[in-house]
Amino acid sequence: MEKFMSVQVKETYIRMSSSFIAKIKGKLLYGDQVAVIEENDAWIKIKAFNSNITGWMHSSALTVKKIILKPGKKDVKLAANSDEYALAGKGFNKDVEKEYKIKNPNLNFAWVDKMESFKVSSRQIKQFQREGKLVPQGGA
């Protein structure tokens, strides 16, 4: 029986091999569905439904729950509730953030907002690893 999974983070990449610094073949967004081809430790070889691209994704970006949500649509139907989505996406959604701000009025979220806007390229990651003599678990 074929296994299906959904993307549980805001955006993620399909990679050529099972490494965070492997060449990117495509991009998926929250709620996109994939078919599982192979599992190798924390990495999963997938085939994307929306593009038919095959490649590797880290398991932390995927869930077995079927997410029926496309950002921007008015009719939202979820297999996971919005709090689960916020946790799965490793961040806040607007409602959770608003509630947190009410409970913590003295906290400044400016740096959180700024950090969320940072983009780090694959080239920068490779350079950082090279300079720090870092080898990802499972090899480069």
N, C-alpha and C. Protein backbone atom coordinates (compact mmCIF):
# COMPACT_ATOMS: atom_id res chain seq x y z
N MET A 1 0.85 -1.18 0.00
CA MET A 1 0.00 0.00 0.00
C MET A 1 0.89 1.24 0.00
N GLU A 2 0.59 2.16 -0.89
CA GLU A 2 1.39 3.38 -1.00
C GLU A 2 1.12 4.31 0.19
N LYS A 3 2.20 4.90 0.71
CA LYS A 3 2.09 5.80 1.86
C LYS A 3 2.14 7.24 1.36
N PHE A 4 1.25 8.07 1.90
CA PHE A 4 1.19 9.48 1.54
C PHE A 4 1.47 10.34 2.76
N MET A 5 2.05 11.50 2.53
CA MET A 5 2.33 12.44 3.62
C MET A 5 2.02 13.85 3.13
N SER A 6 1.93 14.78 4.10
CA SER A 6 1.68 16.19 3.79
C SER A 6 2.80 17.04 4.36
N VAL A 7 3.07 18.15 3.68
CA VAL A 7 4.07 19.10 4.18
C VAL A 7 3.47 19.84 5.37
N GLN A 8 4.20 19.88 6.49
CA GLN A 8 3.68 20.48 7.72
C GLN A 8 4.43 21.76 8.10
N VAL A 9 5.26 22.28 7.22
CA VAL A 9 5.97 23.53 7.47
C VAL A 9 5.60 24.53 6.37
N LYS A 10 5.88 25.79 6.62
CA LYS A 10 5.49 26.86 5.68
C LYS A 10 6.02 26.59 4.28
N GLU A 11 7.30 26.26 4.17
CA GLU A 11 7.89 25.89 2.88
C GLU A 11 9.08 24.98 3.13
N THR A 12 9.36 24.12 2.16
CA THR A 12 10.48 23.19 2.27
C THR A 12 10.96 22.84 0.87
N TYR A 13 12.10 22.19 0.81
CA TYR A 13 12.70 21.90 -0.49
C TYR A 13 12.86 20.41 -0.73
N ILE A 14 12.69 20.03 -1.99
CA ILE A 14 12.98 18.68 -2.44
C ILE A 14 14.44 18.71 -2.89
N ARG A 15 15.24 17.78 -2.38
CA ARG A 15 16.68 17.80 -2.65
C ARG A 15 17.12 16.56 -3.44
N MET A 16 18.27 16.71 -4.13
CA MET A 16 18.83 15.63 -4.95
C MET A 16 19.23 14.42 -4.10
N SER A 17 19.72 14.69 -2.89
CA SER A 17 20.15 13.60 -2.01
C SER A 17 19.74 13.94 -0.58
N SER A 18 19.99 13.03 0.32
CA SER A 18 19.53 13.19 1.71
C SER A 18 20.51 14.03 2.53
N SER A 19 20.57 15.31 2.20
CA SER A 19 21.43 16.27 2.91
C SER A 19 20.82 17.65 2.79
N PHE A 20 20.91 18.43 3.87
CA PHE A 20 20.37 19.80 3.84
C PHE A 20 21.11 20.70 2.86
N ILE A 21 22.30 20.30 2.45
CA ILE A 21 23.05 21.13 1.50
C ILE A 21 23.06 20.56 0.09
N ALA A 22 22.29 19.50 -0.14
CA ALA A 22 22.18 18.92 -1.48
C ALA A 22 21.46 19.89 -2.40
N LYS A 23 21.71 19.76 -3.69
CA LYS A 23 21.09 20.62 -4.70
C LYS A 23 19.56 20.54 -4.59
N ILE A 24 18.91 21.68 -4.73
CA ILE A 24 17.45 21.78 -4.64
C ILE A 24 16.83 21.47 -6.00
N LYS A 25 15.85 20.56 -6.01
CA LYS A 25 15.14 20.20 -7.23
C LYS A 25 13.79 20.90 -7.34
N GLY A 26 13.21 21.25 -6.19
CA GLY A 26 11.90 21.86 -6.19
C GLY A 26 11.52 22.34 -4.81
N LYS A 27 10.40 23.07 -4.74
CA LYS A 27 9.94 23.64 -3.47
C LYS A 27 8.49 23.22 -3.25
N LEU A 28 8.16 22.89 -1.99
CA LEU A 28 6.79 22.56 -1.62
C LEU A 28 6.33 23.49 -0.51
N LEU A 29 5.02 23.68 -0.43
CA LEU A 29 4.43 24.57 0.57
C LEU A 29 3.54 23.78 1.52
N TYR A 30 3.21 24.41 2.64
CA TYR A 30 2.35 23.80 3.65
C TYR A 30 1.10 23.19 3.01
N GLY A 31 0.83 21.94 3.34
CA GLY A 31 -0.36 21.26 2.84
C GLY A 31 -0.14 20.46 1.58
N ASP A 32 0.97 20.71 0.84
CA ASP A 32 1.24 19.93 -0.37
C ASP A 32 1.40 18.46 0.01
N GLN A 33 0.94 17.58 -0.88
CA GLN A 33 1.01 16.15 -0.58
C GLN A 33 2.08 15.47 -1.41
N VAL A 34 2.65 14.41 -0.82
CA VAL A 34 3.70 13.64 -1.48
C VAL A 34 3.44 12.15 -1.28
N ALA A 35 3.99 11.36 -2.19
CA ALA A 35 3.99 9.91 -2.04
C ALA A 35 5.37 9.49 -1.55
N VAL A 36 5.40 8.59 -0.59
CA VAL A 36 6.67 8.11 -0.04
C VAL A 36 7.20 6.98 -0.92
N ILE A 37 8.45 7.12 -1.34
CA ILE A 37 9.11 6.10 -2.16
C ILE A 37 10.02 5.23 -1.29
N GLU A 38 10.76 5.90 -0.40
CA GLU A 38 11.75 5.21 0.43
C GLU A 38 12.01 6.02 1.69
N GLU A 39 12.33 5.34 2.78
CA GLU A 39 12.70 6.03 4.02
C GLU A 39 14.11 5.59 4.41
N ASN A 40 14.94 6.58 4.77
CA ASN A 40 16.32 6.32 5.15
C ASN A 40 16.66 7.19 6.35
N ASP A 41 16.56 6.61 7.55
CA ASP A 41 16.76 7.35 8.79
C ASP A 41 15.79 8.53 8.83
N ALA A 42 16.31 9.74 8.96
CA ALA A 42 15.45 10.93 9.07
C ALA A 42 15.08 11.52 7.71
N TRP A 43 15.52 10.89 6.64
CA TRP A 43 15.25 11.40 5.29
C TRP A 43 14.26 10.49 4.56
N ILE A 44 13.40 11.12 3.76
CA ILE A 44 12.37 10.38 3.03
C ILE A 44 12.45 10.75 1.55
N LYS A 45 12.53 9.73 0.71
CA LYS A 45 12.49 9.97 -0.74
C LYS A 45 11.02 10.05 -1.13
N ILE A 46 10.66 11.13 -1.82
CA ILE A 46 9.25 11.39 -2.11
C ILE A 46 9.04 11.70 -3.60
N LYS A 47 7.77 11.65 -3.99
CA LYS A 47 7.35 12.15 -5.29
C LYS A 47 6.24 13.16 -5.01
N ALA A 48 6.44 14.39 -5.44
CA ALA A 48 5.46 15.46 -5.20
C ALA A 48 4.28 15.32 -6.15
N PHE A 49 3.07 15.45 -5.61
CA PHE A 49 1.87 15.36 -6.44
C PHE A 49 1.73 16.54 -7.39
N ASN A 50 2.07 17.73 -6.92
CA ASN A 50 1.81 18.93 -7.72
C ASN A 50 2.80 19.13 -8.86
N SER A 51 3.95 18.45 -8.82
CA SER A 51 4.96 18.69 -9.86
C SER A 51 5.59 17.41 -10.40
N ASN A 52 5.30 16.27 -9.79
CA ASN A 52 5.90 14.98 -10.15
C ASN A 52 7.41 14.95 -9.96
N ILE A 53 7.96 15.90 -9.20
CA ILE A 53 9.39 15.91 -8.90
C ILE A 53 9.66 14.84 -7.85
N THR A 54 10.72 14.08 -8.05
CA THR A 54 11.14 13.07 -7.10
C THR A 54 12.44 13.52 -6.45
N GLY A 55 12.55 13.34 -5.13
CA GLY A 55 13.77 13.72 -4.43
C GLY A 55 13.64 13.43 -2.95
N TRP A 56 14.53 14.01 -2.17
CA TRP A 56 14.61 13.74 -0.73
C TRP A 56 14.14 14.93 0.09
N MET A 57 13.43 14.64 1.18
CA MET A 57 13.00 15.65 2.14
C MET A 57 13.28 15.14 3.55
N HIS A 58 13.56 16.06 4.46
CA HIS A 58 13.76 15.66 5.85
C HIS A 58 12.40 15.36 6.47
N SER A 59 12.35 14.33 7.29
CA SER A 59 11.08 13.88 7.88
C SER A 59 10.42 14.94 8.76
N SER A 60 11.20 15.88 9.31
CA SER A 60 10.62 16.91 10.17
C SER A 60 9.69 17.85 9.41
N ALA A 61 9.79 17.87 8.09
CA ALA A 61 8.94 18.74 7.28
C ALA A 61 7.63 18.06 6.87
N LEU A 62 7.48 16.78 7.22
CA LEU A 62 6.33 16.01 6.76
C LEU A 62 5.52 15.44 7.91
N THR A 63 4.24 15.18 7.64
CA THR A 63 3.35 14.53 8.61
C THR A 63 2.49 13.51 7.87
N VAL A 64 2.06 12.48 8.59
CA VAL A 64 1.15 11.50 7.98
C VAL A 64 -0.29 12.02 7.96
N LYS A 65 -0.55 13.09 8.70
CA LYS A 65 -1.89 13.69 8.69
C LYS A 65 -2.16 14.31 7.33
N LYS A 66 -3.38 14.16 6.85
CA LYS A 66 -3.77 14.78 5.60
C LYS A 66 -4.22 16.20 5.91
N ILE A 67 -3.50 17.15 5.40
CA ILE A 67 -3.81 18.56 5.64
C ILE A 67 -4.56 19.08 4.43
N ILE A 68 -5.76 19.56 4.65
CA ILE A 68 -6.58 20.06 3.55
C ILE A 68 -6.67 21.57 3.70
N LEU A 69 -5.56 22.22 3.44
CA LEU A 69 -5.50 23.66 3.60
C LEU A 69 -4.59 24.22 2.53
N LYS A 70 -5.05 25.22 1.87
CA LYS A 70 -4.21 25.96 0.94
C LYS A 70 -4.23 27.40 1.40
N PRO A 71 -3.08 27.97 1.75
CA PRO A 71 -3.05 29.34 2.26
C PRO A 71 -3.81 30.29 1.35
N GLY A 72 -4.63 31.13 1.97
CA GLY A 72 -5.38 32.13 1.21
C GLY A 72 -6.81 31.71 0.91
N LYS A 73 -7.13 30.44 1.00
CA LYS A 73 -8.50 30.01 0.72
C LYS A 73 -9.40 30.37 1.89
N LYS A 74 -10.64 30.75 1.58
CA LYS A 74 -11.60 31.13 2.62
C LYS A 74 -12.12 29.89 3.36
N ASP A 75 -12.43 28.84 2.61
CA ASP A 75 -12.96 27.62 3.23
C ASP A 75 -11.80 26.76 3.68
N VAL A 76 -11.55 26.78 4.98
CA VAL A 76 -10.43 26.04 5.54
C VAL A 76 -10.95 24.78 6.20
N LYS A 77 -10.39 23.67 5.79
CA LYS A 77 -10.74 22.40 6.41
C LYS A 77 -9.42 21.72 6.74
N LEU A 78 -9.23 21.41 8.02
CA LEU A 78 -7.95 20.87 8.47
C LEU A 78 -8.09 19.51 9.11
N ALA A 79 -7.09 18.67 8.89
CA ALA A 79 -6.98 17.44 9.66
C ALA A 79 -6.30 17.75 10.98
N ALA A 80 -5.51 18.82 11.02
CA ALA A 80 -4.85 19.28 12.24
C ALA A 80 -5.44 20.65 12.58
N ASN A 81 -5.54 20.97 13.87
CA ASN A 81 -6.06 22.29 14.23
C ASN A 81 -4.97 23.35 14.08
N SER A 82 -5.32 24.62 14.21
CA SER A 82 -4.36 25.70 13.96
C SER A 82 -3.22 25.71 14.96
N ASP A 83 -3.46 25.28 16.20
CA ASP A 83 -2.36 25.21 17.18
C ASP A 83 -1.35 24.14 16.77
N GLU A 84 -1.86 23.00 16.27
CA GLU A 84 -0.95 21.95 15.79
C GLU A 84 -0.16 22.46 14.59
N TYR A 85 -0.81 23.20 13.72
CA TYR A 85 -0.12 23.77 12.56
C TYR A 85 0.99 24.70 13.02
N ALA A 86 0.72 25.54 13.98
CA ALA A 86 1.74 26.47 14.47
C ALA A 86 2.93 25.71 15.04
N LEU A 87 2.65 24.65 15.80
CA LEU A 87 3.74 23.85 16.35
C LEU A 87 4.48 23.11 15.25
N ALA A 88 3.73 22.53 14.33
CA ALA A 88 4.35 21.77 13.24
C ALA A 88 5.20 22.68 12.37
N GLY A 89 4.76 23.91 12.18
CA GLY A 89 5.51 24.86 11.37
C GLY A 89 6.65 25.50 12.12
N LYS A 90 6.88 25.07 13.35
CA LYS A 90 7.97 25.57 14.18
C LYS A 90 7.86 27.08 14.40
N GLY A 91 6.64 27.57 14.50
CA GLY A 91 6.47 29.00 14.72
C GLY A 91 5.05 29.33 15.12
N PHE A 92 4.76 30.61 15.17
CA PHE A 92 3.43 31.09 15.54
C PHE A 92 2.58 31.31 14.29
N ASN A 93 1.26 31.11 14.44
CA ASN A 93 0.36 31.66 13.45
C ASN A 93 -0.13 32.98 14.05
N LYS A 94 -0.91 33.73 13.31
CA LYS A 94 -1.34 35.07 13.78
C LYS A 94 -2.14 34.99 15.08
N ASP A 95 -3.05 34.03 15.19
CA ASP A 95 -3.89 33.92 16.39
C ASP A 95 -3.08 33.54 17.63
N VAL A 96 -2.17 32.57 17.47
CA VAL A 96 -1.33 32.14 18.59
C VAL A 96 -0.42 33.29 19.02
N GLU A 97 0.15 33.99 18.06
CA GLU A 97 1.03 35.12 18.38
C GLU A 97 0.27 36.22 19.10
N LYS A 98 -0.94 36.52 18.63
CA LYS A 98 -1.76 37.55 19.27
C LYS A 98 -2.06 37.19 20.73
N GLU A 99 -2.45 35.94 20.95
CA GLU A 99 -2.74 35.47 22.31
C GLU A 99 -1.48 35.53 23.19
N TYR A 100 -0.35 35.15 22.64
CA TYR A 100 0.91 35.17 23.39
C TYR A 100 1.30 36.61 23.76
N LYS A 101 1.07 37.54 22.83
CA LYS A 101 1.37 38.96 23.11
C LYS A 101 0.48 39.51 24.22
N ILE A 102 -0.78 39.09 24.25
CA ILE A 102 -1.69 39.54 25.30
C ILE A 102 -1.23 39.03 26.66
N LYS A 103 -0.80 37.76 26.70
CA LYS A 103 -0.33 37.17 27.96
C LYS A 103 1.05 37.67 28.38
N ASN A 104 1.81 38.21 27.43
CA ASN A 104 3.19 38.68 27.70
C ASN A 104 3.39 40.07 27.12
N PRO A 105 2.70 41.08 27.67
CA PRO A 105 2.72 42.42 27.07
C PRO A 105 4.09 43.10 27.08
N ASN A 106 5.01 42.65 27.91
CA ASN A 106 6.32 43.31 27.99
C ASN A 106 7.36 42.72 27.04
N LEU A 107 6.99 41.68 26.30
CA LEU A 107 7.95 41.08 25.37
C LEU A 107 7.96 41.84 24.05
N ASN A 108 9.15 42.00 23.48
CA ASN A 108 9.32 42.69 22.21
C ASN A 108 9.52 41.64 21.11
N PHE A 109 8.62 41.61 20.14
CA PHE A 109 8.67 40.62 19.07
C PHE A 109 9.41 41.12 17.83
N ALA A 110 10.00 42.31 17.89
CA ALA A 110 10.68 42.88 16.72
C ALA A 110 11.79 41.96 16.22
N TRP A 111 12.58 41.39 17.13
CA TRP A 111 13.68 40.51 16.71
C TRP A 111 13.17 39.18 16.18
N VAL A 112 12.06 38.70 16.71
CA VAL A 112 11.47 37.47 16.18
C VAL A 112 11.04 37.71 14.74
N ASP A 113 10.35 38.83 14.51
CA ASP A 113 9.92 39.18 13.15
C ASP A 113 11.12 39.32 12.22
N LYS A 114 12.19 39.96 12.71
CA LYS A 114 13.39 40.15 11.90
C LYS A 114 14.04 38.80 11.56
N MET A 115 14.15 37.91 12.56
CA MET A 115 14.76 36.59 12.32
C MET A 115 13.96 35.79 11.29
N GLU A 116 12.65 35.91 11.33
CA GLU A 116 11.81 35.18 10.38
C GLU A 116 12.05 35.64 8.95
N SER A 117 12.57 36.85 8.77
CA SER A 117 12.80 37.38 7.43
C SER A 117 14.17 36.99 6.86
N PHE A 118 15.07 36.44 7.69
CA PHE A 118 16.41 36.06 7.23
C PHE A 118 16.34 34.90 6.24
N LYS A 119 17.11 34.99 5.18
CA LYS A 119 17.24 33.90 4.20
C LYS A 119 18.72 33.54 4.11
N VAL A 120 19.02 32.26 4.19
CA VAL A 120 20.40 31.78 4.10
C VAL A 120 20.47 30.86 2.89
N SER A 121 21.37 31.17 1.96
CA SER A 121 21.49 30.37 0.74
C SER A 121 22.26 29.08 1.00
N SER A 122 22.11 28.13 0.10
CA SER A 122 22.87 26.88 0.20
C SER A 122 24.37 27.16 0.16
N ARG A 123 24.76 28.13 -0.65
CA ARG A 123 26.18 28.49 -0.74
C ARG A 123 26.70 28.98 0.60
N GLN A 124 25.92 29.81 1.29
CA GLN A 124 26.33 30.32 2.61
C GLN A 124 26.42 29.18 3.63
N ILE A 125 25.50 28.23 3.56
CA ILE A 125 25.53 27.09 4.48
C ILE A 125 26.78 26.25 4.24
N LYS A 126 27.08 25.99 2.96
CA LYS A 126 28.28 25.20 2.62
C LYS A 126 29.55 25.91 3.10
N GLN A 127 29.60 27.22 2.91
CA GLN A 127 30.77 27.99 3.35
C GLN A 127 30.91 27.92 4.87
N PHE A 128 29.81 28.07 5.58
CA PHE A 128 29.81 27.98 7.05
C PHE A 128 30.33 26.61 7.50
N GLN A 129 29.84 25.55 6.85
CA GLN A 129 30.29 24.20 7.20
C GLN A 129 31.78 24.02 6.93
N ARG A 130 32.23 24.51 5.78
CA ARG A 130 33.64 24.38 5.40
C ARG A 130 34.53 25.11 6.39
N GLU A 131 34.18 26.36 6.70
CA GLU A 131 35.00 27.17 7.62
C GLU A 131 35.00 26.59 9.03
N GLY A 132 33.89 26.00 9.44
CA GLY A 132 33.80 25.42 10.78
C GLY A 132 34.20 23.96 10.83
N LYS A 133 34.61 23.43 9.67
CA LYS A 133 35.00 22.01 9.57
C LYS A 133 33.89 21.10 10.12
N LEU A 134 32.66 21.42 9.73
CA LEU A 134 31.49 20.67 10.19
C LEU A 134 31.10 19.63 9.15
N VAL A 135 30.76 18.44 9.60
CA VAL A 135 30.29 17.38 8.71
C VAL A 135 28.91 16.98 9.21
N PRO A 136 27.87 17.14 8.36
CA PRO A 136 26.52 16.77 8.79
C PRO A 136 26.46 15.29 9.18
N GLN A 137 25.59 14.98 10.14
CA GLN A 137 25.40 13.59 10.54
C GLN A 137 24.98 12.79 9.32
N GLY A 138 25.62 11.69 9.06
CA GLY A 138 25.32 10.90 7.87
C GLY A 138 26.21 11.29 6.71
N GLY A 139 27.11 12.24 6.90
CA GLY A 139 28.03 12.68 5.85
C GLY A 139 27.53 13.87 5.09
N ALA A 140 28.40 14.45 4.29
CA ALA A 140 28.05 15.63 3.49
C ALA A 140 27.27 15.19 2.30
